[in-house]
Amino acid sequence: MSIGPPQKSKLVTLVTHMRTLRLCAIIVLGIALGYLVSDAAEGKRPPCCEKAAKQGHSCDHKCCIEAAKQGKNCEKCGGKN
């Protein structure tokens, strides 16, 4: 006969830990997804356009030139002249 509060079963403790672990995983995945979305929304230029900009001229890829004439981003490499 024990005196005091009843002990939690091991199953209740396991379920509590699993809920905490699941919540942590959801938070981490949400942060990772937010990071990926923010990078895509930032409009980073592809390496071909970055390299050309560092050299002081615009990218000479046909896809980038055509997109620049139309005032759009290049659909092939995602760049902007």
N, C-alpha and C. Protein backbone atom coordinates (compact mmCIF):
# COMPACT_ATOMS: atom_id res chain seq x y z
N MET A 1 0.83 -1.16 0.00
CA MET A 1 0.00 0.00 0.00
C MET A 1 0.89 1.24 0.00
N SER A 2 0.71 2.06 -1.03
CA SER A 2 1.53 3.26 -1.12
C SER A 2 0.71 4.49 -0.79
N ILE A 3 1.38 5.44 -0.20
CA ILE A 3 0.73 6.69 0.16
C ILE A 3 1.29 7.77 -0.76
N GLY A 4 0.45 8.61 -1.30
CA GLY A 4 0.90 9.68 -2.17
C GLY A 4 0.15 9.65 -3.50
N PRO A 5 0.57 10.53 -4.42
CA PRO A 5 -0.12 10.61 -5.71
C PRO A 5 0.12 9.34 -6.52
N PRO A 6 -0.85 8.99 -7.34
CA PRO A 6 -0.68 7.79 -8.16
C PRO A 6 0.42 8.01 -9.20
N GLN A 7 1.14 6.97 -9.53
CA GLN A 7 2.23 7.04 -10.51
C GLN A 7 1.64 7.02 -11.93
N LYS A 8 2.28 7.81 -12.83
CA LYS A 8 1.87 7.78 -14.23
C LYS A 8 2.34 6.48 -14.84
N SER A 9 1.54 5.98 -15.72
CA SER A 9 1.95 4.75 -16.38
C SER A 9 3.03 5.07 -17.41
N LYS A 10 3.78 4.08 -17.80
CA LYS A 10 4.84 4.27 -18.79
C LYS A 10 4.26 4.66 -20.14
N LEU A 11 3.07 4.18 -20.44
CA LEU A 11 2.42 4.50 -21.71
C LEU A 11 2.08 5.98 -21.79
N VAL A 12 1.58 6.55 -20.71
CA VAL A 12 1.24 7.98 -20.68
C VAL A 12 2.50 8.81 -20.86
N THR A 13 3.58 8.43 -20.22
CA THR A 13 4.85 9.14 -20.35
C THR A 13 5.37 9.05 -21.78
N LEU A 14 5.27 7.88 -22.40
CA LEU A 14 5.73 7.69 -23.77
C LEU A 14 4.92 8.54 -24.74
N VAL A 15 3.62 8.57 -24.57
CA VAL A 15 2.75 9.37 -25.43
C VAL A 15 3.09 10.85 -25.29
N THR A 16 3.36 11.31 -24.10
CA THR A 16 3.72 12.71 -23.87
C THR A 16 5.01 13.05 -24.59
N HIS A 17 6.00 12.17 -24.50
CA HIS A 17 7.28 12.41 -25.17
C HIS A 17 7.12 12.39 -26.69
N MET A 18 6.29 11.51 -27.20
CA MET A 18 6.06 11.44 -28.65
C MET A 18 5.38 12.70 -29.15
N ARG A 19 4.44 13.23 -28.39
CA ARG A 19 3.78 14.48 -28.78
C ARG A 19 4.78 15.63 -28.83
N THR A 20 5.66 15.69 -27.85
CA THR A 20 6.69 16.73 -27.82
C THR A 20 7.63 16.59 -29.00
N LEU A 21 8.04 15.38 -29.30
CA LEU A 21 8.93 15.13 -30.43
C LEU A 21 8.25 15.50 -31.75
N ARG A 22 6.99 15.16 -31.90
CA ARG A 22 6.23 15.49 -33.11
C ARG A 22 6.12 17.01 -33.26
N LEU A 23 5.86 17.71 -32.18
CA LEU A 23 5.76 19.17 -32.23
C LEU A 23 7.08 19.79 -32.64
N CYS A 24 8.17 19.30 -32.09
CA CYS A 24 9.50 19.81 -32.45
C CYS A 24 9.79 19.57 -33.93
N ALA A 25 9.43 18.40 -34.44
CA ALA A 25 9.66 18.09 -35.85
C ALA A 25 8.85 19.01 -36.75
N ILE A 26 7.62 19.30 -36.38
CA ILE A 26 6.77 20.19 -37.16
C ILE A 26 7.35 21.60 -37.17
N ILE A 27 7.84 22.06 -36.04
CA ILE A 27 8.44 23.39 -35.96
C ILE A 27 9.68 23.48 -36.84
N VAL A 28 10.54 22.47 -36.77
CA VAL A 28 11.77 22.47 -37.59
C VAL A 28 11.43 22.44 -39.07
N LEU A 29 10.48 21.62 -39.48
CA LEU A 29 10.08 21.57 -40.89
C LEU A 29 9.46 22.89 -41.34
N GLY A 30 8.71 23.52 -40.47
CA GLY A 30 8.13 24.83 -40.81
C GLY A 30 9.19 25.89 -41.02
N ILE A 31 10.20 25.89 -40.17
CA ILE A 31 11.29 26.85 -40.32
C ILE A 31 12.06 26.60 -41.61
N ALA A 32 12.32 25.32 -41.92
CA ALA A 32 13.04 24.98 -43.15
C ALA A 32 12.23 25.39 -44.38
N LEU A 33 10.94 25.15 -44.36
CA LEU A 33 10.09 25.52 -45.48
C LEU A 33 10.05 27.04 -45.65
N GLY A 34 9.96 27.76 -44.55
CA GLY A 34 9.99 29.22 -44.61
C GLY A 34 11.28 29.74 -45.19
N TYR A 35 12.39 29.12 -44.84
CA TYR A 35 13.68 29.52 -45.37
C TYR A 35 13.74 29.30 -46.88
N LEU A 36 13.25 28.15 -47.33
CA LEU A 36 13.26 27.87 -48.77
C LEU A 36 12.37 28.83 -49.54
N VAL A 37 11.21 29.12 -48.99
CA VAL A 37 10.29 30.04 -49.65
C VAL A 37 10.88 31.44 -49.71
N SER A 38 11.53 31.88 -48.66
CA SER A 38 12.11 33.22 -48.65
C SER A 38 13.26 33.33 -49.65
N ASP A 39 14.04 32.26 -49.82
CA ASP A 39 15.10 32.28 -50.81
C ASP A 39 14.53 32.36 -52.22
N ALA A 40 13.46 31.65 -52.49
CA ALA A 40 12.85 31.68 -53.81
C ALA A 40 12.22 33.04 -54.08
N ALA A 41 11.61 33.62 -53.08
CA ALA A 41 10.96 34.92 -53.26
C ALA A 41 11.96 36.05 -53.40
N GLU A 42 13.17 35.82 -52.92
CA GLU A 42 14.19 36.86 -52.96
C GLU A 42 14.63 37.14 -54.39
N GLY A 43 14.42 36.21 -55.30
CA GLY A 43 14.76 36.43 -56.71
C GLY A 43 16.25 36.35 -56.96
N LYS A 44 16.91 35.39 -56.41
CA LYS A 44 18.35 35.26 -56.63
C LYS A 44 18.62 34.96 -58.09
N ARG A 45 19.66 35.58 -58.60
CA ARG A 45 20.04 35.35 -59.98
C ARG A 45 20.88 34.08 -60.09
N PRO A 46 20.80 33.42 -61.23
CA PRO A 46 21.60 32.22 -61.42
C PRO A 46 23.08 32.58 -61.57
N PRO A 47 23.96 31.59 -61.47
CA PRO A 47 25.40 31.86 -61.54
C PRO A 47 25.83 32.56 -62.83
N CYS A 48 25.16 32.25 -63.94
CA CYS A 48 25.57 32.89 -65.20
C CYS A 48 25.37 34.41 -65.15
N CYS A 49 24.26 34.84 -64.59
CA CYS A 49 23.98 36.28 -64.50
C CYS A 49 24.83 36.95 -63.43
N GLU A 50 25.08 36.26 -62.33
CA GLU A 50 25.92 36.80 -61.26
C GLU A 50 27.34 37.02 -61.77
N LYS A 51 27.86 36.04 -62.48
CA LYS A 51 29.22 36.13 -63.01
C LYS A 51 29.33 37.30 -63.98
N ALA A 52 28.35 37.46 -64.86
CA ALA A 52 28.36 38.56 -65.81
C ALA A 52 28.25 39.91 -65.10
N ALA A 53 27.44 39.98 -64.06
CA ALA A 53 27.29 41.24 -63.32
C ALA A 53 28.60 41.63 -62.62
N LYS A 54 29.33 40.63 -62.10
CA LYS A 54 30.62 40.92 -61.46
C LYS A 54 31.64 41.44 -62.47
N GLN A 55 31.52 41.00 -63.73
CA GLN A 55 32.44 41.44 -64.76
C GLN A 55 31.99 42.77 -65.39
N GLY A 56 30.82 43.26 -64.99
CA GLY A 56 30.36 44.57 -65.43
C GLY A 56 29.52 44.57 -66.70
N HIS A 57 29.00 43.45 -67.10
CA HIS A 57 28.11 43.41 -68.27
C HIS A 57 26.96 42.46 -68.01
N SER A 58 26.03 42.41 -68.98
CA SER A 58 24.86 41.54 -68.79
C SER A 58 25.15 40.14 -69.32
N CYS A 59 24.34 39.20 -68.89
CA CYS A 59 24.50 37.80 -69.27
C CYS A 59 24.29 37.64 -70.77
N ASP A 60 25.09 36.78 -71.40
CA ASP A 60 24.99 36.61 -72.85
C ASP A 60 24.30 35.32 -73.27
N HIS A 61 23.64 34.65 -72.33
CA HIS A 61 22.86 33.46 -72.70
C HIS A 61 21.63 33.90 -73.48
N LYS A 62 21.28 33.12 -74.50
CA LYS A 62 20.13 33.47 -75.35
C LYS A 62 18.85 33.57 -74.54
N CYS A 63 18.68 32.63 -73.60
CA CYS A 63 17.44 32.63 -72.82
C CYS A 63 17.33 33.88 -71.95
N CYS A 64 18.44 34.33 -71.40
CA CYS A 64 18.43 35.53 -70.55
C CYS A 64 18.21 36.80 -71.39
N ILE A 65 18.79 36.83 -72.59
CA ILE A 65 18.64 38.00 -73.47
C ILE A 65 17.19 38.13 -73.93
N GLU A 66 16.58 37.02 -74.35
CA GLU A 66 15.18 37.05 -74.79
C GLU A 66 14.25 37.48 -73.65
N ALA A 67 14.50 36.96 -72.47
CA ALA A 67 13.66 37.32 -71.32
C ALA A 67 13.81 38.81 -70.99
N ALA A 68 15.02 39.33 -71.09
CA ALA A 68 15.26 40.74 -70.78
C ALA A 68 14.55 41.64 -71.79
N LYS A 69 14.50 41.23 -73.05
CA LYS A 69 13.80 42.02 -74.07
C LYS A 69 12.31 42.14 -73.75
N GLN A 70 11.76 41.08 -73.15
CA GLN A 70 10.35 41.07 -72.80
C GLN A 70 10.10 41.63 -71.40
N GLY A 71 11.17 41.97 -70.69
CA GLY A 71 11.05 42.50 -69.33
C GLY A 71 10.67 41.46 -68.31
N LYS A 72 11.03 40.20 -68.57
CA LYS A 72 10.67 39.10 -67.68
C LYS A 72 11.92 38.43 -67.14
N ASN A 73 11.72 37.51 -66.22
CA ASN A 73 12.79 36.65 -65.75
C ASN A 73 12.95 35.49 -66.72
N CYS A 74 14.16 35.01 -66.85
CA CYS A 74 14.41 33.85 -67.70
C CYS A 74 13.75 32.63 -67.07
N GLU A 75 12.91 31.94 -67.83
CA GLU A 75 12.22 30.76 -67.31
C GLU A 75 13.14 29.54 -67.24
N LYS A 76 14.15 29.53 -68.08
CA LYS A 76 15.06 28.38 -68.12
C LYS A 76 15.98 28.37 -66.92
N CYS A 77 16.63 29.49 -66.63
CA CYS A 77 17.59 29.51 -65.51
C CYS A 77 17.14 30.44 -64.38
N GLY A 78 16.02 31.13 -64.54
CA GLY A 78 15.49 31.98 -63.48
C GLY A 78 16.18 33.31 -63.34
N GLY A 79 17.03 33.65 -64.27
CA GLY A 79 17.81 34.88 -64.17
C GLY A 79 17.09 36.09 -64.70
N LYS A 80 17.67 37.22 -64.42
CA LYS A 80 17.13 38.49 -64.89
C LYS A 80 18.30 39.32 -65.38
N ASN A 81 18.25 39.74 -66.62
CA ASN A 81 19.35 40.56 -67.17
C ASN A 81 19.35 41.94 -66.60
